N, C-alpha and C. Protein backbone atom coordinates (compact mmCIF):
# COMPACT_ATOMS: atom_id res chain seq x y z
N MET A 1 80.40 52.25 61.83
CA MET A 1 80.16 52.66 60.47
C MET A 1 81.40 53.40 59.98
N CYS A 2 81.93 52.94 58.93
CA CYS A 2 83.15 53.54 58.37
C CYS A 2 82.76 54.41 57.19
N THR A 3 83.12 55.66 57.22
CA THR A 3 82.78 56.57 56.12
C THR A 3 83.96 56.76 55.19
N GLY A 4 85.06 56.22 55.54
CA GLY A 4 86.25 56.37 54.71
C GLY A 4 87.04 57.61 55.06
N LYS A 5 86.54 58.41 56.03
CA LYS A 5 87.25 59.63 56.42
C LYS A 5 88.36 59.26 57.39
N THR A 6 89.43 59.96 57.27
CA THR A 6 90.53 59.81 58.22
C THR A 6 91.00 61.20 58.64
N GLY A 7 91.77 61.25 59.65
CA GLY A 7 92.29 62.54 60.09
C GLY A 7 91.56 63.03 61.33
N PRO A 8 91.73 64.31 61.67
CA PRO A 8 91.18 64.83 62.91
C PRO A 8 89.65 64.90 62.93
N TYR A 9 88.99 64.90 61.78
CA TYR A 9 87.54 64.98 61.75
C TYR A 9 86.88 63.65 61.42
N ALA A 10 87.53 62.56 61.67
CA ALA A 10 86.96 61.25 61.39
C ALA A 10 85.70 61.05 62.24
N ASN A 11 84.66 60.56 61.63
CA ASN A 11 83.37 60.31 62.27
C ASN A 11 82.74 61.57 62.86
N GLY A 12 83.05 62.74 62.32
CA GLY A 12 82.42 63.97 62.76
C GLY A 12 82.89 64.48 64.12
N ILE A 13 83.87 63.87 64.68
CA ILE A 13 84.38 64.28 65.99
C ILE A 13 85.79 64.82 65.82
N LEU A 14 86.01 66.00 66.38
CA LEU A 14 87.35 66.58 66.31
C LEU A 14 88.23 65.89 67.34
N ILE A 15 89.32 65.35 66.90
CA ILE A 15 90.28 64.71 67.79
C ILE A 15 91.39 65.71 68.07
N VAL A 16 91.54 66.06 69.34
CA VAL A 16 92.56 67.02 69.74
C VAL A 16 93.74 66.25 70.27
N ARG A 17 94.88 66.53 69.68
CA ARG A 17 96.09 65.85 70.12
C ARG A 17 96.85 66.76 71.06
N PRO A 18 97.36 66.25 72.15
CA PRO A 18 98.12 67.08 73.09
C PRO A 18 99.44 67.52 72.48
N PHE A 19 100.08 68.49 73.14
CA PHE A 19 101.38 68.93 72.68
C PHE A 19 102.36 67.77 72.73
N LYS A 20 103.30 67.81 71.82
CA LYS A 20 104.24 66.70 71.72
C LYS A 20 105.18 66.62 72.92
N ASN A 21 105.48 67.79 73.53
CA ASN A 21 106.31 67.75 74.74
C ASN A 21 105.78 68.75 75.77
N SER A 22 106.10 68.51 77.00
CA SER A 22 105.55 69.33 78.08
C SER A 22 106.16 70.73 78.10
N LYS A 23 107.34 70.92 77.54
CA LYS A 23 107.98 72.23 77.52
C LYS A 23 107.15 73.21 76.69
N THR A 24 106.61 72.76 75.56
CA THR A 24 105.77 73.62 74.73
C THR A 24 104.52 74.03 75.48
N MET A 25 103.92 73.11 76.19
CA MET A 25 102.72 73.39 76.97
C MET A 25 103.02 74.41 78.06
N LYS A 26 104.15 74.28 78.74
CA LYS A 26 104.53 75.24 79.78
C LYS A 26 104.72 76.63 79.19
N ASN A 27 105.34 76.71 78.02
CA ASN A 27 105.56 78.00 77.37
C ASN A 27 104.23 78.67 77.01
N VAL A 28 103.27 77.89 76.52
CA VAL A 28 101.97 78.43 76.16
C VAL A 28 101.26 78.94 77.41
N LEU A 29 101.32 78.19 78.50
CA LEU A 29 100.67 78.61 79.74
C LEU A 29 101.31 79.87 80.31
N VAL A 30 102.62 79.99 80.23
CA VAL A 30 103.32 81.18 80.71
C VAL A 30 102.90 82.40 79.89
N VAL A 31 102.81 82.25 78.59
CA VAL A 31 102.40 83.37 77.72
C VAL A 31 100.98 83.79 78.05
N ILE A 32 100.09 82.84 78.25
CA ILE A 32 98.70 83.16 78.60
C ILE A 32 98.64 83.88 79.94
N ALA A 33 99.39 83.42 80.92
CA ALA A 33 99.41 84.05 82.24
C ALA A 33 99.95 85.47 82.17
N LEU A 34 101.02 85.68 81.39
CA LEU A 34 101.59 87.02 81.25
C LEU A 34 100.61 87.96 80.56
N MET A 35 99.93 87.48 79.53
CA MET A 35 98.95 88.32 78.83
C MET A 35 97.82 88.69 79.77
N PHE A 36 97.34 87.74 80.55
CA PHE A 36 96.26 88.02 81.49
C PHE A 36 96.67 89.06 82.51
N SER A 37 97.86 88.92 83.10
CA SER A 37 98.29 89.87 84.12
C SER A 37 98.53 91.26 83.52
N PHE A 38 99.03 91.34 82.29
CA PHE A 38 99.24 92.62 81.64
C PHE A 38 97.92 93.35 81.43
N PHE A 39 96.94 92.66 80.85
CA PHE A 39 95.66 93.30 80.57
C PHE A 39 94.89 93.58 81.86
N ALA A 40 95.04 92.75 82.87
CA ALA A 40 94.37 93.00 84.14
C ALA A 40 94.94 94.24 84.82
N SER A 41 96.26 94.45 84.74
CA SER A 41 96.85 95.63 85.37
C SER A 41 96.45 96.90 84.64
N LYS A 42 96.35 96.85 83.32
CA LYS A 42 95.91 98.02 82.56
C LYS A 42 94.46 98.34 82.85
N ALA A 43 93.63 97.32 83.01
CA ALA A 43 92.22 97.53 83.33
C ALA A 43 92.08 98.14 84.73
N GLN A 44 92.93 97.72 85.67
CA GLN A 44 92.89 98.24 87.03
C GLN A 44 93.15 99.75 87.05
N MET A 45 94.06 100.20 86.19
CA MET A 45 94.41 101.61 86.17
C MET A 45 93.27 102.46 85.61
N LYS A 46 92.39 101.87 84.79
CA LYS A 46 91.32 102.63 84.16
C LYS A 46 89.99 102.54 84.91
N ILE A 47 89.98 101.86 86.05
CA ILE A 47 88.75 101.75 86.82
C ILE A 47 88.35 103.13 87.33
N ASP A 48 87.08 103.44 87.22
CA ASP A 48 86.57 104.70 87.72
C ASP A 48 86.62 104.69 89.23
N SER A 49 87.41 105.59 89.81
CA SER A 49 87.61 105.55 91.26
C SER A 49 86.36 105.95 92.03
N ILE A 50 85.47 106.74 91.43
CA ILE A 50 84.24 107.11 92.12
C ILE A 50 83.34 105.89 92.27
N ALA A 51 83.20 105.13 91.19
CA ALA A 51 82.39 103.91 91.26
C ALA A 51 83.02 102.92 92.23
N LEU A 52 84.34 102.81 92.21
CA LEU A 52 85.04 101.91 93.12
C LEU A 52 84.84 102.34 94.56
N ASN A 53 84.87 103.66 94.80
CA ASN A 53 84.66 104.16 96.14
C ASN A 53 83.25 103.81 96.64
N LYS A 54 82.25 103.93 95.77
CA LYS A 54 80.89 103.58 96.15
C LYS A 54 80.78 102.09 96.42
N GLN A 55 81.45 101.30 95.60
CA GLN A 55 81.41 99.85 95.75
C GLN A 55 82.10 99.43 97.05
N ARG A 56 83.21 100.07 97.39
CA ARG A 56 83.97 99.72 98.59
C ARG A 56 83.39 100.37 99.83
N ASN A 57 82.47 101.33 99.65
CA ASN A 57 81.83 101.99 100.77
C ASN A 57 82.86 102.72 101.65
N VAL A 58 83.79 103.42 101.03
CA VAL A 58 84.82 104.16 101.75
C VAL A 58 84.24 105.48 102.23
N PRO A 59 84.44 105.84 103.51
CA PRO A 59 83.92 107.11 104.00
C PRO A 59 84.51 108.29 103.24
N VAL A 60 83.69 109.31 103.01
CA VAL A 60 84.15 110.50 102.29
C VAL A 60 85.16 111.27 103.14
N THR A 61 84.98 111.28 104.45
CA THR A 61 85.89 111.96 105.37
C THR A 61 86.51 110.94 106.31
N GLN A 62 87.84 111.01 106.44
CA GLN A 62 88.56 110.09 107.32
C GLN A 62 89.54 110.90 108.19
N PHE A 63 89.81 110.40 109.38
CA PHE A 63 90.77 111.03 110.28
C PHE A 63 91.85 110.02 110.63
N GLY A 64 93.09 110.50 110.72
CA GLY A 64 94.19 109.60 111.06
C GLY A 64 95.51 110.33 111.12
N VAL A 65 96.58 109.57 111.07
CA VAL A 65 97.94 110.10 111.16
C VAL A 65 98.59 110.08 109.78
N ALA A 66 99.25 111.18 109.45
CA ALA A 66 99.97 111.30 108.17
C ALA A 66 101.47 111.33 108.42
N SER A 67 102.20 110.75 107.48
CA SER A 67 103.66 110.83 107.47
C SER A 67 104.06 111.28 106.07
N PHE A 68 105.36 111.40 105.82
CA PHE A 68 105.77 111.70 104.45
C PHE A 68 106.86 110.74 104.02
N TYR A 69 106.93 110.54 102.68
CA TYR A 69 107.85 109.59 102.06
C TYR A 69 109.30 109.88 102.45
N ALA A 70 110.06 108.83 102.62
CA ALA A 70 111.51 108.96 102.80
C ALA A 70 112.14 109.26 101.44
N ASP A 71 113.30 109.89 101.47
CA ASP A 71 113.98 110.25 100.22
C ASP A 71 114.40 109.03 99.41
N LYS A 72 114.51 107.86 100.03
CA LYS A 72 114.97 106.67 99.30
C LYS A 72 113.98 106.22 98.22
N PHE A 73 112.74 106.72 98.26
CA PHE A 73 111.75 106.34 97.25
C PHE A 73 111.79 107.22 96.00
N GLU A 74 112.58 108.28 96.04
CA GLU A 74 112.70 109.19 94.90
C GLU A 74 113.14 108.42 93.65
N GLY A 75 112.40 108.60 92.56
CA GLY A 75 112.74 107.95 91.29
C GLY A 75 112.19 106.55 91.12
N GLN A 76 111.58 105.98 92.15
CA GLN A 76 110.99 104.64 92.02
C GLN A 76 109.58 104.74 91.45
N ARG A 77 109.11 103.64 90.88
CA ARG A 77 107.76 103.61 90.31
C ARG A 77 106.72 103.36 91.39
N THR A 78 105.58 104.03 91.24
CA THR A 78 104.46 103.85 92.17
C THR A 78 103.54 102.75 91.64
N CYS A 79 102.48 102.47 92.38
CA CYS A 79 101.50 101.45 91.95
C CYS A 79 100.83 101.80 90.63
N THR A 80 100.73 103.08 90.35
CA THR A 80 100.08 103.52 89.11
C THR A 80 101.08 103.71 87.98
N ASP A 81 102.29 103.17 88.15
CA ASP A 81 103.33 103.19 87.13
C ASP A 81 103.83 104.60 86.80
N VAL A 82 103.83 105.47 87.80
CA VAL A 82 104.35 106.83 87.66
C VAL A 82 105.65 106.89 88.46
N VAL A 83 106.62 107.60 87.95
CA VAL A 83 107.89 107.76 88.68
C VAL A 83 107.66 108.74 89.81
N PHE A 84 107.96 108.32 91.04
CA PHE A 84 107.73 109.16 92.22
C PHE A 84 108.75 110.27 92.30
N THR A 85 108.28 111.46 92.65
CA THR A 85 109.15 112.59 92.94
C THR A 85 108.59 113.32 94.16
N GLN A 86 109.47 113.79 95.01
CA GLN A 86 109.07 114.51 96.22
C GLN A 86 108.48 115.89 95.88
N LYS A 87 108.66 116.34 94.65
CA LYS A 87 108.25 117.69 94.27
C LYS A 87 106.78 117.80 93.88
N LYS A 88 106.11 116.68 93.65
CA LYS A 88 104.70 116.71 93.25
C LYS A 88 103.80 116.48 94.46
N LEU A 89 102.57 116.94 94.35
CA LEU A 89 101.58 116.78 95.41
C LEU A 89 100.89 115.43 95.25
N THR A 90 101.52 114.38 95.80
CA THR A 90 100.98 113.03 95.68
C THR A 90 100.98 112.37 97.05
N ALA A 91 100.28 111.22 97.12
CA ALA A 91 100.18 110.52 98.39
C ALA A 91 99.97 109.03 98.17
N ALA A 92 100.25 108.26 99.21
CA ALA A 92 99.98 106.82 99.23
C ALA A 92 98.94 106.58 100.32
N CYS A 93 97.94 105.78 100.00
CA CYS A 93 96.87 105.50 100.96
C CYS A 93 96.32 104.11 100.69
N ASN A 94 96.08 103.34 101.75
CA ASN A 94 95.55 101.99 101.58
C ASN A 94 94.03 101.92 101.65
N THR A 95 93.38 103.01 102.07
CA THR A 95 91.92 102.97 102.24
C THR A 95 91.16 103.64 101.11
N LEU A 96 91.84 104.38 100.26
CA LEU A 96 91.19 105.10 99.16
C LEU A 96 91.58 104.50 97.82
N PRO A 97 90.74 104.67 96.80
CA PRO A 97 91.07 104.16 95.47
C PRO A 97 92.26 104.90 94.87
N LEU A 98 92.98 104.21 94.01
CA LEU A 98 94.10 104.85 93.29
C LEU A 98 93.55 105.85 92.28
N ASN A 99 94.37 106.83 91.93
CA ASN A 99 94.05 107.86 90.94
C ASN A 99 92.87 108.73 91.34
N CYS A 100 92.66 108.92 92.63
CA CYS A 100 91.61 109.84 93.06
C CYS A 100 92.27 111.05 93.72
N TRP A 101 91.52 112.12 93.83
CA TRP A 101 92.00 113.36 94.45
C TRP A 101 91.39 113.49 95.83
N ILE A 102 92.20 113.96 96.76
CA ILE A 102 91.73 114.15 98.13
C ILE A 102 92.22 115.49 98.66
N LYS A 103 91.48 116.02 99.62
CA LYS A 103 91.92 117.23 100.31
C LYS A 103 92.37 116.78 101.70
N VAL A 104 93.61 117.10 102.04
CA VAL A 104 94.19 116.73 103.33
C VAL A 104 94.36 118.00 104.16
N THR A 105 93.82 117.97 105.38
CA THR A 105 93.92 119.12 106.28
C THR A 105 94.70 118.73 107.52
N ASN A 106 95.73 119.51 107.84
CA ASN A 106 96.51 119.31 109.06
C ASN A 106 95.68 119.84 110.22
N LEU A 107 95.34 118.98 111.16
CA LEU A 107 94.47 119.38 112.27
C LEU A 107 95.19 120.25 113.30
N ARG A 108 96.52 120.31 113.26
CA ARG A 108 97.26 121.15 114.21
C ARG A 108 97.23 122.62 113.81
N ASN A 109 97.40 122.88 112.49
CA ASN A 109 97.49 124.28 112.05
C ASN A 109 96.42 124.66 111.03
N LYS A 110 95.53 123.75 110.70
CA LYS A 110 94.39 123.98 109.78
C LYS A 110 94.81 124.25 108.33
N LYS A 111 96.08 124.02 107.98
CA LYS A 111 96.50 124.14 106.58
C LYS A 111 95.99 122.93 105.81
N SER A 112 95.68 123.14 104.52
CA SER A 112 95.20 122.02 103.71
C SER A 112 95.84 122.04 102.33
N VAL A 113 95.82 120.87 101.68
CA VAL A 113 96.40 120.71 100.36
C VAL A 113 95.62 119.61 99.62
N MET A 114 95.53 119.75 98.31
CA MET A 114 94.88 118.72 97.49
C MET A 114 95.95 117.88 96.83
N VAL A 115 95.85 116.57 96.99
CA VAL A 115 96.86 115.66 96.44
C VAL A 115 96.18 114.53 95.69
N LYS A 116 96.96 113.88 94.84
CA LYS A 116 96.46 112.71 94.10
C LYS A 116 97.02 111.45 94.74
N VAL A 117 96.14 110.47 94.97
CA VAL A 117 96.56 109.18 95.53
C VAL A 117 97.06 108.33 94.37
N ASN A 118 98.37 108.05 94.34
CA ASN A 118 98.93 107.28 93.23
C ASN A 118 99.78 106.10 93.70
N ASP A 119 99.68 105.76 94.98
CA ASP A 119 100.51 104.67 95.49
C ASP A 119 99.85 104.04 96.70
N ARG A 120 100.37 102.89 97.09
CA ARG A 120 99.92 102.18 98.28
C ARG A 120 101.07 102.11 99.28
N MET A 121 100.72 102.01 100.55
CA MET A 121 101.72 101.86 101.60
C MET A 121 101.88 100.37 101.89
N HIS A 122 102.89 100.05 102.69
CA HIS A 122 103.05 98.67 103.13
C HIS A 122 101.82 98.29 103.95
N PRO A 123 101.28 97.09 103.77
CA PRO A 123 100.05 96.71 104.49
C PRO A 123 100.14 96.80 106.01
N SER A 124 101.33 96.68 106.57
CA SER A 124 101.47 96.73 108.02
C SER A 124 101.64 98.16 108.55
N ASN A 125 101.70 99.15 107.64
CA ASN A 125 101.85 100.55 108.05
C ASN A 125 100.57 101.02 108.74
N PRO A 126 100.64 101.46 109.98
CA PRO A 126 99.42 101.84 110.71
C PRO A 126 98.88 103.23 110.34
N ARG A 127 99.62 104.00 109.56
CA ARG A 127 99.20 105.36 109.25
C ARG A 127 98.11 105.39 108.18
N LEU A 128 97.37 106.48 108.16
CA LEU A 128 96.29 106.65 107.19
C LEU A 128 96.84 107.03 105.82
N ILE A 129 97.86 107.88 105.80
CA ILE A 129 98.36 108.40 104.53
C ILE A 129 99.86 108.69 104.63
N ASP A 130 100.56 108.53 103.51
CA ASP A 130 101.98 108.84 103.39
C ASP A 130 102.09 109.83 102.24
N MET A 131 102.59 111.01 102.49
CA MET A 131 102.57 112.07 101.49
C MET A 131 103.97 112.41 100.98
N SER A 132 104.01 113.05 99.82
CA SER A 132 105.28 113.53 99.28
C SER A 132 105.76 114.69 100.15
N LYS A 133 107.03 115.00 100.03
CA LYS A 133 107.60 116.08 100.84
C LYS A 133 106.98 117.43 100.47
N ALA A 134 106.63 117.63 99.20
CA ALA A 134 105.99 118.89 98.79
C ALA A 134 104.65 119.05 99.49
N ALA A 135 103.89 117.98 99.59
CA ALA A 135 102.60 118.04 100.27
C ALA A 135 102.80 118.25 101.77
N ALA A 136 103.80 117.59 102.35
CA ALA A 136 104.09 117.75 103.77
C ALA A 136 104.53 119.19 104.08
N LEU A 137 105.31 119.79 103.20
CA LEU A 137 105.72 121.19 103.37
C LEU A 137 104.51 122.11 103.32
N ALA A 138 103.59 121.84 102.39
CA ALA A 138 102.38 122.66 102.27
C ALA A 138 101.52 122.56 103.53
N LEU A 139 101.55 121.41 104.18
CA LEU A 139 100.79 121.23 105.42
C LEU A 139 101.58 121.67 106.65
N GLY A 140 102.88 121.90 106.49
CA GLY A 140 103.70 122.42 107.58
C GLY A 140 104.04 121.41 108.66
N TYR A 141 104.29 120.16 108.29
CA TYR A 141 104.65 119.19 109.33
C TYR A 141 105.94 118.43 109.06
N THR A 142 106.81 118.95 108.21
CA THR A 142 108.06 118.23 107.93
C THR A 142 108.98 118.20 109.14
N GLY A 143 108.90 119.19 110.02
CA GLY A 143 109.74 119.20 111.21
C GLY A 143 109.31 118.17 112.24
N HIS A 144 108.03 117.82 112.24
CA HIS A 144 107.50 116.87 113.20
C HIS A 144 107.57 115.43 112.70
N GLY A 145 107.46 115.24 111.38
CA GLY A 145 107.47 113.89 110.80
C GLY A 145 106.10 113.27 110.71
N LEU A 146 105.27 113.49 111.72
CA LEU A 146 103.91 112.95 111.74
C LEU A 146 102.95 114.06 112.15
N THR A 147 101.71 113.95 111.70
CA THR A 147 100.68 114.89 112.13
C THR A 147 99.31 114.24 112.00
N LYS A 148 98.36 114.74 112.77
CA LYS A 148 96.98 114.27 112.66
C LYS A 148 96.31 115.04 111.53
N VAL A 149 95.58 114.29 110.67
CA VAL A 149 94.98 114.91 109.49
C VAL A 149 93.52 114.49 109.32
N LYS A 150 92.84 115.30 108.53
CA LYS A 150 91.50 114.97 108.06
C LYS A 150 91.59 114.85 106.54
N ILE A 151 91.07 113.76 106.00
CA ILE A 151 91.09 113.53 104.55
C ILE A 151 89.67 113.59 104.02
N GLU A 152 89.49 114.37 102.95
CA GLU A 152 88.19 114.44 102.28
C GLU A 152 88.34 113.94 100.85
N TYR A 153 87.54 112.94 100.52
CA TYR A 153 87.58 112.34 99.18
C TYR A 153 86.91 113.28 98.19
N LEU A 154 87.62 113.63 97.08
CA LEU A 154 87.10 114.58 96.08
C LEU A 154 86.67 113.90 94.79
N GLY A 155 87.12 112.69 94.52
CA GLY A 155 86.75 111.99 93.29
C GLY A 155 87.92 111.85 92.34
N LYS A 156 87.60 111.39 91.14
CA LYS A 156 88.63 111.10 90.15
C LYS A 156 89.09 112.33 89.38
N ASN A 157 88.20 113.28 89.19
CA ASN A 157 88.53 114.45 88.37
C ASN A 157 89.45 115.40 89.12
N LYS A 158 90.43 115.91 88.39
CA LYS A 158 91.41 116.83 88.98
C LYS A 158 90.73 118.16 89.30
N PRO A 159 90.96 118.68 90.51
CA PRO A 159 90.41 120.00 90.86
C PRO A 159 91.03 121.09 89.98
N ASP A 160 90.35 122.21 89.88
CA ASP A 160 90.87 123.34 89.11
C ASP A 160 92.19 123.81 89.72
N ASP A 161 93.04 124.41 88.87
CA ASP A 161 94.34 124.90 89.35
C ASP A 161 94.16 125.98 90.43
N GLU A 162 93.10 126.82 90.31
CA GLU A 162 92.86 127.84 91.33
C GLU A 162 92.53 127.18 92.67
N GLU A 163 91.76 126.07 92.63
CA GLU A 163 91.41 125.38 93.86
C GLU A 163 92.67 124.80 94.51
N ILE A 164 93.54 124.21 93.68
CA ILE A 164 94.76 123.60 94.22
C ILE A 164 95.68 124.68 94.80
N ALA A 165 95.83 125.82 94.08
CA ALA A 165 96.74 126.87 94.53
C ALA A 165 96.22 127.58 95.78
N GLY A 166 94.90 127.77 95.87
CA GLY A 166 94.36 128.55 96.97
C GLY A 166 93.62 127.71 97.99
N ASN A 167 94.13 126.54 98.33
CA ASN A 167 93.37 125.69 99.24
C ASN A 167 93.86 125.79 100.69
N ASN A 168 94.71 126.74 101.01
CA ASN A 168 95.14 126.89 102.41
C ASN A 168 94.23 127.82 103.15
């Protein structure tokens, strides 16, 4: 049945024509992939770490070996897109959610410090946590390089300044 219509809506059916060349199609797919990865990374940073911890079933208290960052990482970006500095109380951990606060206690001398997890370690690193030099100094193990620690998960909210200052 001919209705006299022509064009993309002939006979009530939309006719979709492919791109005229494959280069245009590749460009569109690259743009879509980049947009997806950008929005996915921003969404990852805003995930509630407490809910993620419950979902991952991560123990609230963990025991293991701690080390501290080498100076070569100074000024580099972390997983959470923050510039790393040895002067802040931060840590890298593969078992805890990003952007959460933890209390780390040195089992040798019982000193403790509260740090924010803002980075990941290399997957083959056998240690539990890698800390900034400021955190390692607060725990008193920079001369040894490694120490046995206890980690207590505190959640996403930053502890009060009095708690952070007086946690030894």
